[in-house]
């Protein structure tokens, strides 16, 4: 699903960024540009990032 229409950023891209260690909106914005244009995507982006950040360590435990 597209989260940021301005930059074409999807929820998958946010989850992939979380897997790389991104854990804040500022970091996510630096890597992807999300939330840097109109800003209407920020709230949803943070929710997805928070969920992915919580889930990410658990996935690494399962994969190990």
N, C-alpha and C. Protein backbone atom coordinates (compact mmCIF):
# COMPACT_ATOMS: atom_id res chain seq x y z
N UNK A 1 0.85 -1.17 0.00
CA UNK A 1 0.00 0.00 0.00
C UNK A 1 0.90 1.24 0.00
N UNK A 2 0.50 2.22 -0.79
CA UNK A 2 1.25 3.48 -0.80
C UNK A 2 0.92 4.27 0.45
N UNK A 3 1.96 4.70 1.15
CA UNK A 3 1.81 5.51 2.35
C UNK A 3 2.08 6.97 2.00
N UNK A 4 3.11 7.20 1.22
CA UNK A 4 3.48 8.55 0.79
C UNK A 4 3.30 8.64 -0.73
N UNK A 5 2.26 9.30 -1.12
CA UNK A 5 1.98 9.46 -2.55
C UNK A 5 2.99 10.41 -3.19
N UNK A 6 3.40 11.42 -2.47
CA UNK A 6 4.33 12.41 -3.02
C UNK A 6 5.63 11.78 -3.50
N UNK A 7 6.12 10.79 -2.75
CA UNK A 7 7.40 10.16 -3.08
C UNK A 7 7.27 8.70 -3.47
N UNK A 8 6.05 8.18 -3.52
CA UNK A 8 5.82 6.81 -3.93
C UNK A 8 6.37 5.77 -2.96
N UNK A 9 6.28 6.06 -1.65
CA UNK A 9 6.82 5.16 -0.63
C UNK A 9 5.71 4.24 -0.13
N UNK A 10 6.01 2.95 -0.09
CA UNK A 10 5.02 1.95 0.33
C UNK A 10 5.28 1.50 1.77
N UNK A 11 4.29 0.79 2.33
CA UNK A 11 4.46 0.21 3.66
C UNK A 11 5.60 -0.81 3.65
N UNK A 12 5.77 -1.51 2.55
CA UNK A 12 6.87 -2.47 2.44
C UNK A 12 8.23 -1.77 2.57
N UNK A 13 8.38 -0.62 1.93
CA UNK A 13 9.63 0.13 2.01
C UNK A 13 9.90 0.58 3.45
N UNK A 14 8.86 0.93 4.18
CA UNK A 14 9.02 1.33 5.58
C UNK A 14 9.47 0.13 6.41
N UNK A 15 8.86 -1.02 6.19
CA UNK A 15 9.25 -2.23 6.92
C UNK A 15 10.68 -2.65 6.59
N UNK A 16 11.07 -2.51 5.34
CA UNK A 16 12.44 -2.83 4.94
C UNK A 16 13.43 -1.89 5.61
N UNK A 17 13.07 -0.62 5.73
CA UNK A 17 13.93 0.35 6.42
C UNK A 17 14.06 -0.03 7.89
N UNK A 18 12.97 -0.45 8.51
CA UNK A 18 13.02 -0.88 9.91
C UNK A 18 13.94 -2.09 10.06
N UNK A 19 13.92 -2.99 9.11
CA UNK A 19 14.81 -4.15 9.13
C UNK A 19 16.28 -3.74 9.05
N UNK A 20 16.54 -2.59 8.42
CA UNK A 20 17.90 -2.07 8.32
C UNK A 20 18.31 -1.25 9.54
N UNK A 21 17.39 -1.09 10.50
CA UNK A 21 17.73 -0.37 11.72
C UNK A 21 17.12 1.00 11.87
N UNK A 22 16.37 1.46 10.88
CA UNK A 22 15.71 2.76 10.98
C UNK A 22 14.64 2.67 12.06
N UNK A 23 14.66 3.60 13.02
CA UNK A 23 13.68 3.52 14.11
C UNK A 23 13.05 4.86 14.47
N UNK A 24 13.20 5.85 13.58
CA UNK A 24 12.56 7.14 13.83
C UNK A 24 12.08 7.74 12.51
N UNK A 25 11.12 8.63 12.61
CA UNK A 25 10.62 9.30 11.41
C UNK A 25 11.71 10.13 10.75
N UNK A 26 12.56 10.75 11.54
CA UNK A 26 13.66 11.54 10.97
C UNK A 26 14.59 10.67 10.12
N UNK A 27 14.96 9.51 10.64
CA UNK A 27 15.81 8.59 9.89
C UNK A 27 15.10 8.11 8.63
N UNK A 28 13.82 7.78 8.77
CA UNK A 28 13.03 7.31 7.64
C UNK A 28 12.94 8.38 6.56
N UNK A 29 12.76 9.62 6.97
CA UNK A 29 12.69 10.73 6.02
C UNK A 29 14.02 10.91 5.29
N UNK A 30 15.12 10.76 6.01
CA UNK A 30 16.45 10.88 5.37
C UNK A 30 16.67 9.79 4.34
N UNK A 31 16.23 8.58 4.65
CA UNK A 31 16.46 7.45 3.74
C UNK A 31 15.50 7.43 2.56
N UNK A 32 14.25 7.82 2.79
CA UNK A 32 13.23 7.63 1.76
C UNK A 32 12.61 8.92 1.25
N UNK A 33 12.67 9.98 2.02
CA UNK A 33 12.01 11.22 1.67
C UNK A 33 10.58 11.30 2.18
N UNK A 34 10.12 10.25 2.83
CA UNK A 34 8.74 10.20 3.32
C UNK A 34 8.47 11.35 4.30
N UNK A 35 7.33 11.97 4.14
CA UNK A 35 6.91 13.03 5.05
C UNK A 35 7.57 14.37 4.83
N UNK A 36 8.34 14.50 3.75
CA UNK A 36 9.08 15.75 3.53
C UNK A 36 8.41 16.68 2.54
N UNK A 37 7.28 16.28 2.00
CA UNK A 37 6.59 17.15 1.04
C UNK A 37 5.34 17.73 1.71
N UNK A 38 4.21 17.11 1.56
CA UNK A 38 2.98 17.66 2.14
C UNK A 38 2.81 17.25 3.61
N UNK A 39 3.41 16.12 4.01
CA UNK A 39 3.38 15.70 5.40
C UNK A 39 2.15 14.92 5.84
N UNK A 40 1.20 14.71 4.95
CA UNK A 40 -0.02 14.02 5.37
C UNK A 40 0.20 12.54 5.67
N UNK A 41 1.34 11.99 5.30
CA UNK A 41 1.62 10.57 5.51
C UNK A 41 2.34 10.29 6.83
N UNK A 42 2.77 11.30 7.51
CA UNK A 42 3.63 11.11 8.68
C UNK A 42 3.02 10.22 9.76
N UNK A 43 1.77 10.46 10.10
CA UNK A 43 1.14 9.69 11.17
C UNK A 43 1.11 8.20 10.82
N UNK A 44 0.68 7.87 9.62
CA UNK A 44 0.62 6.47 9.20
C UNK A 44 2.02 5.88 9.11
N UNK A 45 2.97 6.63 8.60
CA UNK A 45 4.34 6.16 8.49
C UNK A 45 4.91 5.80 9.86
N UNK A 46 4.66 6.63 10.85
CA UNK A 46 5.14 6.36 12.21
C UNK A 46 4.50 5.11 12.78
N UNK A 47 3.20 4.94 12.55
CA UNK A 47 2.52 3.73 13.06
C UNK A 47 3.11 2.48 12.42
N UNK A 48 3.32 2.50 11.13
CA UNK A 48 3.90 1.33 10.45
C UNK A 48 5.32 1.09 10.92
N UNK A 49 6.10 2.14 11.04
CA UNK A 49 7.48 2.01 11.51
C UNK A 49 7.52 1.46 12.92
N UNK A 50 6.66 1.95 13.80
CA UNK A 50 6.61 1.44 15.18
C UNK A 50 6.26 -0.04 15.20
N UNK A 51 5.28 -0.44 14.42
CA UNK A 51 4.90 -1.86 14.36
C UNK A 51 6.04 -2.70 13.82
N UNK A 52 6.70 -2.22 12.80
CA UNK A 52 7.80 -2.97 12.19
C UNK A 52 9.00 -3.04 13.12
N UNK A 53 9.24 -1.98 13.87
CA UNK A 53 10.37 -1.96 14.80
C UNK A 53 10.15 -2.95 15.92
N UNK A 54 8.93 -3.07 16.39
CA UNK A 54 8.60 -4.03 17.44
C UNK A 54 8.69 -5.45 16.90
N UNK A 55 8.20 -5.68 15.69
CA UNK A 55 8.17 -7.02 15.09
C UNK A 55 9.54 -7.46 14.60
N UNK A 56 10.38 -6.53 14.19
CA UNK A 56 11.65 -6.87 13.56
C UNK A 56 12.56 -7.74 14.44
N UNK A 57 12.80 -7.41 15.71
CA UNK A 57 13.66 -8.28 16.53
C UNK A 57 13.08 -9.68 16.68
N UNK A 58 11.78 -9.79 16.73
CA UNK A 58 11.16 -11.11 16.86
C UNK A 58 11.39 -11.94 15.62
N UNK A 59 11.36 -11.33 14.46
CA UNK A 59 11.61 -12.05 13.22
C UNK A 59 13.03 -12.57 13.16
N UNK A 60 13.97 -11.78 13.67
CA UNK A 60 15.36 -12.21 13.67
C UNK A 60 15.57 -13.39 14.60
N UNK A 61 14.84 -13.45 15.70
CA UNK A 61 14.94 -14.58 16.62
C UNK A 61 14.41 -15.86 15.98
N UNK A 62 13.31 -15.73 15.25
CA UNK A 62 12.71 -16.88 14.60
C UNK A 62 13.62 -17.39 13.49
N UNK A 63 14.25 -16.49 12.78
CA UNK A 63 15.11 -16.87 11.65
C UNK A 63 16.41 -17.52 12.11
N UNK A 64 16.84 -17.23 13.32
CA UNK A 64 18.12 -17.74 13.82
C UNK A 64 18.08 -19.21 14.16
